[in-house]
Amino acid sequence: MASASSSSSHRSPRSMAFSGQSPVPYREPPMAYSPEKVCHCKVKAPRWISWSIANPGRRYYNCSQSLGYDCGYFKWHDDPLDKFVSTLLGDLRDVVNRLKTEVRKLKTEKS
């Protein structure tokens, strides 16, 4: 499968900024999967969705203690996406984030 590391050439640097939040709601909670993946801490690792520039929409597991002690566990659930799908998801992520920003601005102006 093709590498998902490239990004669309028409994205502005501002739109490439990652907000740290998923642009869409999770369809299932991070712990609602099986068979479970256990990190080095011997606890079930949550499954997250990457919205990074290089891997938008790609699911992965990491240590559930990542906000405190982190054992370093990380494993991709999905194979890399092909370039077209990766670019498309990245573009859609950027549009959703821009629209969310616009809605926040309009709500602030209205109040």
PDB file of N, CA and C in Angstrom:
ATOM      1  N   MET A   1       0.833  -1.174   0.000  1.00  0.00           N
ATOM      2  CA  MET A   1       0.000   0.000   0.000  1.00  0.00           C
ATOM      3  C   MET A   1       0.881   1.242   0.000  1.00  0.00           C
ATOM      4  N   ALA A   2       0.446   2.309  -0.594  1.00  0.00           N
ATOM      5  CA  ALA A   2       1.244   3.526  -0.721  1.00  0.00           C
ATOM      6  C   ALA A   2       1.392   4.234   0.608  1.00  0.00           C
ATOM      7  N   SER A   3       2.472   4.968   0.727  1.00  0.00           N
ATOM      8  CA  SER A   3       2.727   5.731   1.950  1.00  0.00           C
ATOM      9  C   SER A   3       1.726   6.857   2.093  1.00  0.00           C
ATOM     10  N   ALA A   4       1.369   7.161   3.342  1.00  0.00           N
ATOM     11  CA  ALA A   4       0.401   8.222   3.618  1.00  0.00           C
ATOM     12  C   ALA A   4       1.085   9.462   4.152  1.00  0.00           C
ATOM     13  N   SER A   5       2.355   9.640   3.843  1.00  0.00           N
ATOM     14  CA  SER A   5       3.108  10.719   4.466  1.00  0.00           C
ATOM     15  C   SER A   5       3.025  12.043   3.734  1.00  0.00           C
ATOM     16  N   SER A   6       2.460  12.085   2.543  1.00  0.00           N
ATOM     17  CA  SER A   6       2.401  13.352   1.825  1.00  0.00           C
ATOM     18  C   SER A   6       1.130  14.098   2.173  1.00  0.00           C
ATOM     19  N   SER A   7       1.163  15.409   1.967  1.00  0.00           N
ATOM     20  CA  SER A   7      -0.021  16.214   2.227  1.00  0.00           C
ATOM     21  C   SER A   7      -0.370  16.988   0.980  1.00  0.00           C
ATOM     22  N   SER A   8      -1.571  17.491   0.941  1.00  0.00           N
ATOM     23  CA  SER A   8      -2.044  18.239  -0.217  1.00  0.00           C
ATOM     24  C   SER A   8      -1.232  19.512  -0.381  1.00  0.00           C
ATOM     25  N   SER A   9      -0.886  19.832  -1.612  1.00  0.00           N
ATOM     26  CA  SER A   9      -0.054  21.005  -1.861  1.00  0.00           C
ATOM     27  C   SER A   9      -0.827  22.306  -1.740  1.00  0.00           C
ATOM     28  N   HIS A  10      -2.164  22.254  -1.700  1.00  0.00           N
ATOM     29  CA  HIS A  10      -2.931  23.485  -1.629  1.00  0.00           C
ATOM     30  C   HIS A  10      -3.346  23.866  -0.211  1.00  0.00           C
ATOM     31  N   ARG A  11      -2.923  23.135   0.778  1.00  0.00           N
ATOM     32  CA  ARG A  11      -3.249  23.486   2.159  1.00  0.00           C
ATOM     33  C   ARG A  11      -2.347  24.612   2.632  1.00  0.00           C
ATOM     34  N   SER A  12      -2.934  25.556   3.297  1.00  0.00           N
ATOM     35  CA  SER A  12      -2.135  26.642   3.859  1.00  0.00           C
ATOM     36  C   SER A  12      -1.510  26.171   5.161  1.00  0.00           C
ATOM     37  N   PRO A  13      -0.391  26.791   5.586  1.00  0.00           N
ATOM     38  CA  PRO A  13       0.224  26.393   6.847  1.00  0.00           C
ATOM     39  C   PRO A  13      -0.746  26.494   8.024  1.00  0.00           C
ATOM     40  N   ARG A  14      -1.637  27.478   8.000  1.00  0.00           N
ATOM     41  CA  ARG A  14      -2.588  27.634   9.101  1.00  0.00           C
ATOM     42  C   ARG A  14      -3.544  26.447   9.156  1.00  0.00           C
ATOM     43  N   SER A  15      -4.007  25.975   8.006  1.00  0.00           N
ATOM     44  CA  SER A  15      -4.958  24.865   7.992  1.00  0.00           C
ATOM     45  C   SER A  15      -4.296  23.554   8.382  1.00  0.00           C
ATOM     46  N   MET A  16      -2.977  23.495   8.288  1.00  0.00           N
ATOM     47  CA  MET A  16      -2.273  22.272   8.621  1.00  0.00           C
ATOM     48  C   MET A  16      -2.068  22.132  10.125  1.00  0.00           C
ATOM     49  N   ALA A  17      -2.360  23.188  10.885  1.00  0.00           N
ATOM     50  CA  ALA A  17      -2.198  23.116  12.332  1.00  0.00           C
ATOM     51  C   ALA A  17      -3.186  22.100  12.895  1.00  0.00           C
ATOM     52  N   PHE A  18      -2.701  21.238  13.757  1.00  0.00           N
ATOM     53  CA  PHE A  18      -3.544  20.211  14.346  1.00  0.00           C
ATOM     54  C   PHE A  18      -4.118  20.740  15.642  1.00  0.00           C
ATOM     55  N   SER A  19      -5.439  20.681  15.772  1.00  0.00           N
ATOM     56  CA  SER A  19      -6.110  21.236  16.939  1.00  0.00           C
ATOM     57  C   SER A  19      -6.021  20.330  18.156  1.00  0.00           C
ATOM     58  N   GLY A  20      -5.639  19.067  17.976  1.00  0.00           N
ATOM     59  CA  GLY A  20      -5.561  18.146  19.096  1.00  0.00           C
ATOM     60  C   GLY A  20      -6.885  17.451  19.390  1.00  0.00           C
ATOM     61  N   GLN A  21      -7.913  17.768  18.635  1.00  0.00           N
ATOM     62  CA  GLN A  21      -9.217  17.147  18.814  1.00  0.00           C
ATOM     63  C   GLN A  21      -9.638  16.471  17.518  1.00  0.00           C
ATOM     64  N   SER A  22     -10.439  15.438  17.669  1.00  0.00           N
ATOM     65  CA  SER A  22     -10.970  14.762  16.491  1.00  0.00           C
ATOM     66  C   SER A  22     -11.964  15.684  15.797  1.00  0.00           C
ATOM     67  N   PRO A  23     -11.882  15.815  14.479  1.00  0.00           N
ATOM     68  CA  PRO A  23     -12.831  16.675  13.776  1.00  0.00           C
ATOM     69  C   PRO A  23     -14.244  16.093  13.732  1.00  0.00           C
ATOM     70  N   VAL A  24     -14.375  14.813  14.004  1.00  0.00           N
ATOM     71  CA  VAL A  24     -15.679  14.145  14.020  1.00  0.00           C
ATOM     72  C   VAL A  24     -15.782  13.299  15.289  1.00  0.00           C
ATOM     73  N   PRO A  25     -17.003  13.049  15.762  1.00  0.00           N
ATOM     74  CA  PRO A  25     -17.150  12.213  16.958  1.00  0.00           C
ATOM     75  C   PRO A  25     -16.685  10.778  16.688  1.00  0.00           C
ATOM     76  N   TYR A  26     -16.143  10.159  17.715  1.00  0.00           N
ATOM     77  CA  TYR A  26     -15.774   8.748  17.608  1.00  0.00           C
ATOM     78  C   TYR A  26     -17.045   7.924  17.451  1.00  0.00           C
ATOM     79  N   ARG A  27     -17.005   6.915  16.605  1.00  0.00           N
ATOM     80  CA  ARG A  27     -18.163   6.038  16.394  1.00  0.00           C
ATOM     81  C   ARG A  27     -18.242   4.968  17.480  1.00  0.00           C
ATOM     82  N   GLU A  28     -17.124   4.717  18.129  1.00  0.00           N
ATOM     83  CA  GLU A  28     -17.086   3.770  19.246  1.00  0.00           C
ATOM     84  C   GLU A  28     -16.068   4.277  20.255  1.00  0.00           C
ATOM     85  N   PRO A  29     -16.295   4.023  21.551  1.00  0.00           N
ATOM     86  CA  PRO A  29     -15.333   4.461  22.565  1.00  0.00           C
ATOM     87  C   PRO A  29     -13.964   3.809  22.345  1.00  0.00           C
ATOM     88  N   PRO A  30     -12.888   4.485  22.762  1.00  0.00           N
ATOM     89  CA  PRO A  30     -11.530   3.968  22.540  1.00  0.00           C
ATOM     90  C   PRO A  30     -11.249   2.595  23.144  1.00  0.00           C
ATOM     91  N   MET A  31     -12.022   2.187  24.161  1.00  0.00           N
ATOM     92  CA  MET A  31     -11.782   0.882  24.780  1.00  0.00           C
ATOM     93  C   MET A  31     -12.766  -0.190  24.292  1.00  0.00           C
ATOM     94  N   ALA A  32     -13.667   0.153  23.383  1.00  0.00           N
ATOM     95  CA  ALA A  32     -14.704  -0.779  22.919  1.00  0.00           C
ATOM     96  C   ALA A  32     -14.243  -1.543  21.679  1.00  0.00           C
ATOM     97  N   TYR A  33     -13.287  -2.405  21.867  1.00  0.00           N
ATOM     98  CA  TYR A  33     -12.806  -3.232  20.761  1.00  0.00           C
ATOM     99  C   TYR A  33     -12.298  -4.554  21.321  1.00  0.00           C
ATOM    100  N   SER A  34     -12.190  -5.536  20.468  1.00  0.00           N
ATOM    101  CA  SER A  34     -11.572  -6.801  20.837  1.00  0.00           C
ATOM    102  C   SER A  34     -11.028  -7.442  19.561  1.00  0.00           C
ATOM    103  N   PRO A  35     -10.041  -8.304  19.649  1.00  0.00           N
ATOM    104  CA  PRO A  35      -9.360  -8.677  20.881  1.00  0.00           C
ATOM    105  C   PRO A  35      -8.517  -7.518  21.398  1.00  0.00           C
ATOM    106  N   GLU A  36      -8.319  -7.504  22.683  1.00  0.00           N
ATOM    107  CA  GLU A  36      -7.617  -6.366  23.273  1.00  0.00           C
ATOM    108  C   GLU A  36      -6.122  -6.389  22.977  1.00  0.00           C
ATOM    109  N   LYS A  37      -5.556  -5.196  22.907  1.00  0.00           N
ATOM    110  CA  LYS A  37      -4.107  -4.999  22.781  1.00  0.00           C
ATOM    111  C   LYS A  37      -3.630  -4.523  24.144  1.00  0.00           C
ATOM    112  N   VAL A  38      -2.634  -5.193  24.676  1.00  0.00           N
ATOM    113  CA  VAL A  38      -2.134  -4.881  26.012  1.00  0.00           C
ATOM    114  C   VAL A  38      -0.785  -4.197  25.893  1.00  0.00           C
ATOM    115  N   CYS A  39      -0.652  -3.054  26.551  1.00  0.00           N
ATOM    116  CA  CYS A  39       0.615  -2.319  26.506  1.00  0.00           C
ATOM    117  C   CYS A  39       1.623  -2.941  27.472  1.00  0.00           C
ATOM    118  N   HIS A  40       2.800  -2.351  27.556  1.00  0.00           N
ATOM    119  CA  HIS A  40       3.866  -2.861  28.423  1.00  0.00           C
ATOM    120  C   HIS A  40       3.504  -2.745  29.897  1.00  0.00           C
ATOM    121  N   CYS A  41       2.516  -1.904  30.233  1.00  0.00           N
ATOM    122  CA  CYS A  41       2.035  -1.754  31.616  1.00  0.00           C
ATOM    123  C   CYS A  41       1.072  -2.877  31.996  1.00  0.00           C
ATOM    124  N   LYS A  42       0.763  -3.750  31.044  1.00  0.00           N
ATOM    125  CA  LYS A  42      -0.159  -4.881  31.233  1.00  0.00           C
ATOM    126  C   LYS A  42      -1.613  -4.438  31.378  1.00  0.00           C
ATOM    127  N   VAL A  43      -1.967  -3.319  30.753  1.00  0.00           N
ATOM    128  CA  VAL A  43      -3.355  -2.860  30.735  1.00  0.00           C
ATOM    129  C   VAL A  43      -3.804  -2.715  29.281  1.00  0.00           C
ATOM    130  N   LYS A  44      -5.108  -2.785  29.073  1.00  0.00           N
ATOM    131  CA  LYS A  44      -5.654  -2.657  27.722  1.00  0.00           C
ATOM    132  C   LYS A  44      -5.342  -1.267  27.179  1.00  0.00           C
ATOM    133  N   ALA A  45      -4.801  -1.225  25.975  1.00  0.00           N
ATOM    134  CA  ALA A  45      -4.455   0.050  25.334  1.00  0.00           C
ATOM    135  C   ALA A  45      -5.672   0.576  24.570  1.00  0.00           C
ATOM    136  N   PRO A  46      -5.998   1.851  24.726  1.00  0.00           N
ATOM    137  CA  PRO A  46      -7.105   2.415  23.948  1.00  0.00           C
ATOM    138  C   PRO A  46      -6.747   2.512  22.470  1.00  0.00           C
ATOM    139  N   ARG A  47      -7.769   2.450  21.629  1.00  0.00           N
ATOM    140  CA  ARG A  47      -7.576   2.607  20.185  1.00  0.00           C
ATOM    141  C   ARG A  47      -8.065   4.006  19.810  1.00  0.00           C
ATOM    142  N   TRP A  48      -7.159   4.790  19.267  1.00  0.00           N
ATOM    143  CA  TRP A  48      -7.439   6.175  18.899  1.00  0.00           C
ATOM    144  C   TRP A  48      -7.428   6.332  17.385  1.00  0.00           C
ATOM    145  N   ILE A  49      -7.835   7.497  16.925  1.00  0.00           N
ATOM    146  CA  ILE A  49      -7.778   7.825  15.501  1.00  0.00           C
ATOM    147  C   ILE A  49      -6.802   8.975  15.322  1.00  0.00           C
ATOM    148  N   SER A  50      -5.818   8.783  14.475  1.00  0.00           N
ATOM    149  CA  SER A  50      -4.854   9.844  14.178  1.00  0.00           C
ATOM    150  C   SER A  50      -5.492  10.860  13.241  1.00  0.00           C
ATOM    151  N   TRP A  51      -5.280  12.134  13.536  1.00  0.00           N
ATOM    152  CA  TRP A  51      -5.685  13.202  12.615  1.00  0.00           C
ATOM    153  C   TRP A  51      -4.478  14.035  12.247  1.00  0.00           C
ATOM    154  N   SER A  52      -3.300  13.421  12.322  1.00  0.00           N
ATOM    155  CA  SER A  52      -2.062  14.107  11.953  1.00  0.00           C
ATOM    156  C   SER A  52      -2.029  14.376  10.456  1.00  0.00           C
ATOM    157  N   ILE A  53      -1.110  15.217  10.033  1.00  0.00           N
ATOM    158  CA  ILE A  53      -0.935  15.520   8.614  1.00  0.00           C
ATOM    159  C   ILE A  53      -0.595  14.240   7.838  1.00  0.00           C
ATOM    160  N   ALA A  54       0.285  13.422   8.386  1.00  0.00           N
ATOM    161  CA  ALA A  54       0.767  12.237   7.675  1.00  0.00           C
ATOM    162  C   ALA A  54      -0.195  11.050   7.709  1.00  0.00           C
ATOM    163  N   ASN A  55      -1.047  10.959   8.737  1.00  0.00           N
ATOM    164  CA  ASN A  55      -1.874   9.755   8.910  1.00  0.00           C
ATOM    165  C   ASN A  55      -3.325  10.053   9.284  1.00  0.00           C
ATOM    166  N   PRO A  56      -4.016  10.916   8.560  1.00  0.00           N
ATOM    167  CA  PRO A  56      -5.395  11.232   8.943  1.00  0.00           C
ATOM    168  C   PRO A  56      -6.316  10.016   8.818  1.00  0.00           C
ATOM    169  N   GLY A  57      -7.112   9.782   9.867  1.00  0.00           N
ATOM    170  CA  GLY A  57      -8.077   8.691   9.846  1.00  0.00           C
ATOM    171  C   GLY A  57      -7.520   7.319  10.162  1.00  0.00           C
ATOM    172  N   ARG A  58      -6.233   7.233  10.403  1.00  0.00           N
ATOM    173  CA  ARG A  58      -5.598   5.940  10.666  1.00  0.00           C
ATOM    174  C   ARG A  58      -5.664   5.639  12.164  1.00  0.00           C
ATOM    175  N   ARG A  59      -6.166   4.449  12.509  1.00  0.00           N
ATOM    176  CA  ARG A  59      -6.324   4.087  13.918  1.00  0.00           C
ATOM    177  C   ARG A  59      -5.036   3.485  14.484  1.00  0.00           C
ATOM    178  N   TYR A  60      -4.841   3.712  15.796  1.00  0.00           N
ATOM    179  CA  TYR A  60      -3.649   3.215  16.477  1.00  0.00           C
ATOM    180  C   TYR A  60      -3.948   2.954  17.946  1.00  0.00           C
ATOM    181  N   TYR A  61      -3.062   2.200  18.587  1.00  0.00           N
ATOM    182  CA  TYR A  61      -3.141   1.920  20.013  1.00  0.00           C
ATOM    183  C   TYR A  61      -1.945   2.587  20.676  1.00  0.00           C
ATOM    184  N   ASN A  62      -2.148   3.081  21.894  1.00  0.00           N
ATOM    185  CA  ASN A  62      -1.006   3.540  22.683  1.00  0.00           C
ATOM    186  C   ASN A  62      -1.288   3.322  24.161  1.00  0.00           C
ATOM    187  N   CYS A  63      -0.281   3.505  24.974  1.00  0.00           N
ATOM    188  CA  CYS A  63      -0.394   3.295  26.411  1.00  0.00           C
ATOM    189  C   CYS A  63      -1.506   4.171  26.982  1.00  0.00           C
ATOM    190  N   SER A  64      -2.366   3.590  27.798  1.00  0.00           N
ATOM    191  CA  SER A  64      -3.457   4.369  28.394  1.00  0.00           C
ATOM    192  C   SER A  64      -2.949   5.327  29.458  1.00  0.00           C
ATOM    193  N   GLN A  65      -1.710   5.172  29.841  1.00  0.00           N
ATOM    194  CA  GLN A  65      -1.114   6.057  30.838  1.00  0.00           C
ATOM    195  C   GLN A  65      -0.379   7.215  30.178  1.00  0.00           C
ATOM    196  N   SER A  66      -0.655   7.484  28.906  1.00  0.00           N
ATOM    197  CA  SER A  66       0.139   8.452  28.144  1.00  0.00           C
ATOM    198  C   SER A  66       0.086   9.870  28.698  1.00  0.00           C
ATOM    199  N   LEU A  67      -0.907  10.200  29.530  1.00  0.00           N
ATOM    200  CA  LEU A  67      -0.948  11.535  30.130  1.00  0.00           C
ATOM    201  C   LEU A  67      -0.076  11.623  31.374  1.00  0.00           C
ATOM    202  N   GLY A  68       0.301  10.504  31.930  1.00  0.00           N
ATOM    203  CA  GLY A  68       1.194  10.474  33.082  1.00  0.00           C
ATOM    204  C   GLY A  68       2.428   9.680  32.714  1.00  0.00           C
ATOM    205  N   TYR A  69       2.609   8.539  33.367  1.00  0.00           N
ATOM    206  CA  TYR A  69       3.686   7.632  33.003  1.00  0.00           C
ATOM    207  C   TYR A  69       3.312   6.977  31.685  1.00  0.00           C
ATOM    208  N   ASP A  70       4.215   6.939  30.768  1.00  0.00           N
ATOM    209  CA  ASP A  70       3.960   6.341  29.454  1.00  0.00           C
ATOM    210  C   ASP A  70       4.994   5.255  29.219  1.00  0.00           C
ATOM    211  N   CYS A  71       4.542   4.014  29.062  1.00  0.00           N
ATOM    212  CA  CYS A  71       5.472   2.900  28.860  1.00  0.00           C
ATOM    213  C   CYS A  71       6.046   2.868  27.447  1.00  0.00           C
ATOM    214  N   GLY A  72       5.551   3.739  26.562  1.00  0.00           N
ATOM    215  CA  GLY A  72       6.081   3.812  25.207  1.00  0.00           C
ATOM    216  C   GLY A  72       5.380   2.921  24.197  1.00  0.00           C
ATOM    217  N   TYR A  73       4.330   2.223  24.623  1.00  0.00           N
ATOM    218  CA  TYR A  73       3.628   1.324  23.704  1.00  0.00           C
ATOM    219  C   TYR A  73       2.912   2.119  22.620  1.00  0.00           C
ATOM    220  N   PHE A  74       3.095   1.704  21.374  1.00  0.00           N
ATOM    221  CA  PHE A  74       2.410   2.302  20.230  1.00  0.00           C
ATOM    222  C   PHE A  74       2.345   1.258  19.133  1.00  0.00           C
ATOM    223  N   LYS A  75       1.149   1.081  18.558  1.00  0.00           N
ATOM    224  CA  LYS A  75       0.988   0.119  17.467  1.00  0.00           C
ATOM    225  C   LYS A  75      -0.125   0.612  16.553  1.00  0.00           C
ATOM    226  N   TRP A  76       0.145   0.600  15.246  1.00  0.00           N
ATOM    227  CA  TRP A  76      -0.883   0.965  14.277  1.00  0.00           C
ATOM    228  C   TRP A  76      -1.897  -0.162  14.167  1.00  0.00           C
ATOM    229  N   HIS A  77      -3.178   0.168  14.096  1.00  0.00           N
ATOM    230  CA  HIS A  77      -4.239  -0.811  13.839  1.00  0.00           C
ATOM    231  C   HIS A  77      -4.432  -0.983  12.329  1.00  0.00           C
ATOM    232  N   ASP A  78      -4.386   0.126  11.608  1.00  0.00           N
ATOM    233  CA  ASP A  78      -4.611   0.123  10.163  1.00  0.00           C
ATOM    234  C   ASP A  78      -3.297   0.197   9.400  1.00  0.00           C
ATOM    235  N   ASP A  79      -3.280  -0.428   8.233  1.00  0.00           N
ATOM    236  CA  ASP A  79      -2.154  -0.254   7.317  1.00  0.00           C
ATOM    237  C   ASP A  79      -2.157   1.193   6.827  1.00  0.00           C
ATOM    238  N   PRO A  80      -1.025   1.675   6.328  1.00  0.00           N
ATOM    239  CA  PRO A  80      -1.012   3.038   5.767  1.00  0.00           C
ATOM    240  C   PRO A  80      -2.057   3.169   4.657  1.00  0.00           C
ATOM    241  N   LEU A  81      -2.690   4.323   4.608  1.00  0.00           N
ATOM    242  CA  LEU A  81      -3.683   4.591   3.566  1.00  0.00           C
ATOM    243  C   LEU A  81      -2.980   4.957   2.269  1.00  0.00           C
ATOM    244  N   ASP A  82      -3.661   4.732   1.139  1.00  0.00           N
ATOM    245  CA  ASP A  82      -3.032   5.165  -0.106  1.00  0.00           C
ATOM    246  C   ASP A  82      -3.064   6.697  -0.165  1.00  0.00           C
ATOM    247  N   LYS A  83      -2.235   7.259  -1.011  1.00  0.00           N
ATOM    248  CA  LYS A  83      -2.032   8.711  -1.064  1.00  0.00           C
ATOM    249  C   LYS A  83      -3.338   9.467  -1.308  1.00  0.00           C
ATOM    250  N   PHE A  84      -4.174   8.989  -2.225  1.00  0.00           N
ATOM    251  CA  PHE A  84      -5.424   9.673  -2.538  1.00  0.00           C
ATOM    252  C   PHE A  84      -6.331   9.756  -1.312  1.00  0.00           C
ATOM    253  N   VAL A  85      -6.538   8.626  -0.636  1.00  0.00           N
ATOM    254  CA  VAL A  85      -7.424   8.589   0.531  1.00  0.00           C
ATOM    255  C   VAL A  85      -6.856   9.435   1.664  1.00  0.00           C
ATOM    256  N   SER A  86      -5.556   9.347   1.894  1.00  0.00           N
ATOM    257  CA  SER A  86      -4.917  10.138   2.944  1.00  0.00           C
ATOM    258  C   SER A  86      -5.082  11.637   2.687  1.00  0.00           C
ATOM    259  N   THR A  87      -4.851  12.057   1.451  1.00  0.00           N
ATOM    260  CA  THR A  87      -4.997  13.470   1.093  1.00  0.00           C
ATOM    261  C   THR A  87      -6.450  13.911   1.224  1.00  0.00           C
ATOM    262  N   LEU A  88      -7.373  13.079   0.772  1.00  0.00           N
ATOM    263  CA  LEU A  88      -8.797  13.399   0.871  1.00  0.00           C
ATOM    264  C   LEU A  88      -9.226  13.564   2.327  1.00  0.00           C
ATOM    265  N   LEU A  89      -8.840  12.626   3.191  1.00  0.00           N
ATOM    266  CA  LEU A  89      -9.189  12.728   4.608  1.00  0.00           C
ATOM    267  C   LEU A  89      -8.562  13.959   5.248  1.00  0.00           C
ATOM    268  N   GLY A  90      -7.324  14.264   4.885  1.00  0.00           N
ATOM    269  CA  GLY A  90      -6.673  15.467   5.408  1.00  0.00           C
ATOM    270  C   GLY A  90      -7.394  16.730   4.977  1.00  0.00           C
ATOM    271  N   ASP A  91      -7.806  16.780   3.723  1.00  0.00           N
ATOM    272  CA  ASP A  91      -8.553  17.945   3.235  1.00  0.00           C
ATOM    273  C   ASP A  91      -9.894  18.078   3.953  1.00  0.00           C
ATOM    274  N   LEU A  92     -10.597  16.972   4.135  1.00  0.00           N
ATOM    275  CA  LEU A  92     -11.879  17.003   4.840  1.00  0.00           C
ATOM    276  C   LEU A  92     -11.694  17.420   6.298  1.00  0.00           C
ATOM    277  N   ARG A  93     -10.632  16.925   6.947  1.00  0.00           N
ATOM    278  CA  ARG A  93     -10.318  17.330   8.321  1.00  0.00           C
ATOM    279  C   ARG A  93     -10.139  18.838   8.390  1.00  0.00           C
ATOM    280  N   ASP A  94      -9.388  19.385   7.436  1.00  0.00           N
ATOM    281  CA  ASP A  94      -9.125  20.823   7.423  1.00  0.00           C
ATOM    282  C   ASP A  94     -10.405  21.632   7.233  1.00  0.00           C
ATOM    283  N   VAL A  95     -11.298  21.167   6.361  1.00  0.00           N
ATOM    284  CA  VAL A  95     -12.569  21.867   6.135  1.00  0.00           C
ATOM    285  C   VAL A  95     -13.413  21.852   7.410  1.00  0.00           C
ATOM    286  N   VAL A  96     -13.514  20.701   8.049  1.00  0.00           N
ATOM    287  CA  VAL A  96     -14.289  20.602   9.292  1.00  0.00           C
ATOM    288  C   VAL A  96     -13.712  21.539  10.345  1.00  0.00           C
ATOM    289  N   ASN A  97     -12.388  21.547  10.501  1.00  0.00           N
ATOM    290  CA  ASN A  97     -11.769  22.425  11.502  1.00  0.00           C
ATOM    291  C   ASN A  97     -12.007  23.892  11.179  1.00  0.00           C
ATOM    292  N   ARG A  98     -11.930  24.280   9.899  1.00  0.00           N
ATOM    293  CA  ARG A  98     -12.213  25.674   9.513  1.00  0.00           C
ATOM    294  C   ARG A  98     -13.660  26.045   9.811  1.00  0.00           C
ATOM    295  N   LEU A  99     -14.590  25.149   9.508  1.00  0.00           N
ATOM    296  CA  LEU A  99     -16.001  25.423   9.769  1.00  0.00           C
ATOM    297  C   LEU A  99     -16.283  25.526  11.270  1.00  0.00           C
ATOM    298  N   LYS A 100     -15.652  24.677  12.070  1.00  0.00           N
ATOM    299  CA  LYS A 100     -15.817  24.764  13.528  1.00  0.00           C
ATOM    300  C   LYS A 100     -15.293  26.100  14.048  1.00  0.00           C
ATOM    301  N   THR A 101     -14.161  26.548  13.510  1.00  0.00           N
ATOM    302  CA  THR A 101     -13.607  27.843  13.904  1.00  0.00           C
ATOM    303  C   THR A 101     -14.559  28.966  13.516  1.00  0.00           C
ATOM    304  N   GLU A 102     -15.115  28.897  12.329  1.00  0.00           N
ATOM    305  CA  GLU A 102     -16.068  29.909  11.855  1.00  0.00           C
ATOM    306  C   GLU A 102     -17.310  29.956  12.743  1.00  0.00           C
ATOM    307  N   VAL A 103     -17.835  28.801  13.121  1.00  0.00           N
ATOM    308  CA  VAL A 103     -19.009  28.744  13.999  1.00  0.00           C
ATOM    309  C   VAL A 103     -18.690  29.376  15.350  1.00  0.00           C
ATOM    310  N   ARG A 104     -17.508  29.065  15.911  1.00  0.00           N
ATOM    311  CA  ARG A 104     -17.112  29.669  17.197  1.00  0.00           C
ATOM    312  C   ARG A 104     -17.051  31.186  17.089  1.00  0.00           C
ATOM    313  N   LYS A 105     -16.461  31.688  15.998  1.00  0.00           N
ATOM    314  CA  LYS A 105     -16.368  33.139  15.791  1.00  0.00           C
ATOM    315  C   LYS A 105     -17.751  33.764  15.704  1.00  0.00           C
ATOM    316  N   LEU A 106     -18.645  33.149  14.947  1.00  0.00           N
ATOM    317  CA  LEU A 106     -20.000  33.682  14.792  1.00  0.00           C
ATOM    318  C   LEU A 106     -20.759  33.675  16.115  1.00  0.00           C
ATOM    319  N   LYS A 107     -20.589  32.623  16.905  1.00  0.00           N
ATOM    320  CA  LYS A 107     -21.244  32.562  18.216  1.00  0.00           C
ATOM    321  C   LYS A 107     -20.707  33.646  19.141  1.00  0.00           C
ATOM    322  N   THR A 108     -19.400  33.894  19.075  1.00  0.00           N
ATOM    323  CA  THR A 108     -18.785  34.931  19.904  1.00  0.00           C
ATOM    324  C   THR A 108     -19.289  36.306  19.493  1.00  0.00           C
ATOM    325  N   GLU A 109     -19.372  36.556  18.204  1.00  0.00           N
ATOM    326  CA  GLU A 109     -19.861  37.844  17.705  1.00  0.00           C
ATOM    327  C   GLU A 109     -21.319  38.070  18.087  1.00  0.00           C
ATOM    328  N   LYS A 110     -22.101  37.004  18.104  1.00  0.00           N
ATOM    329  CA  LYS A 110     -23.525  37.099  18.405  1.00  0.00           C
ATOM    330  C   LYS A 110     -23.778  37.399  19.878  1.00  0.00           C
ATOM    331  N   SER A 111     -22.893  36.924  20.770  1.00  0.00           N
ATOM    332  CA  SER A 111     -23.120  37.125  22.205  1.00  0.00           C
ATOM    333  C   SER A 111     -22.625  38.448  22.708  1.00  0.00           C
TER     334      SER A 111
END
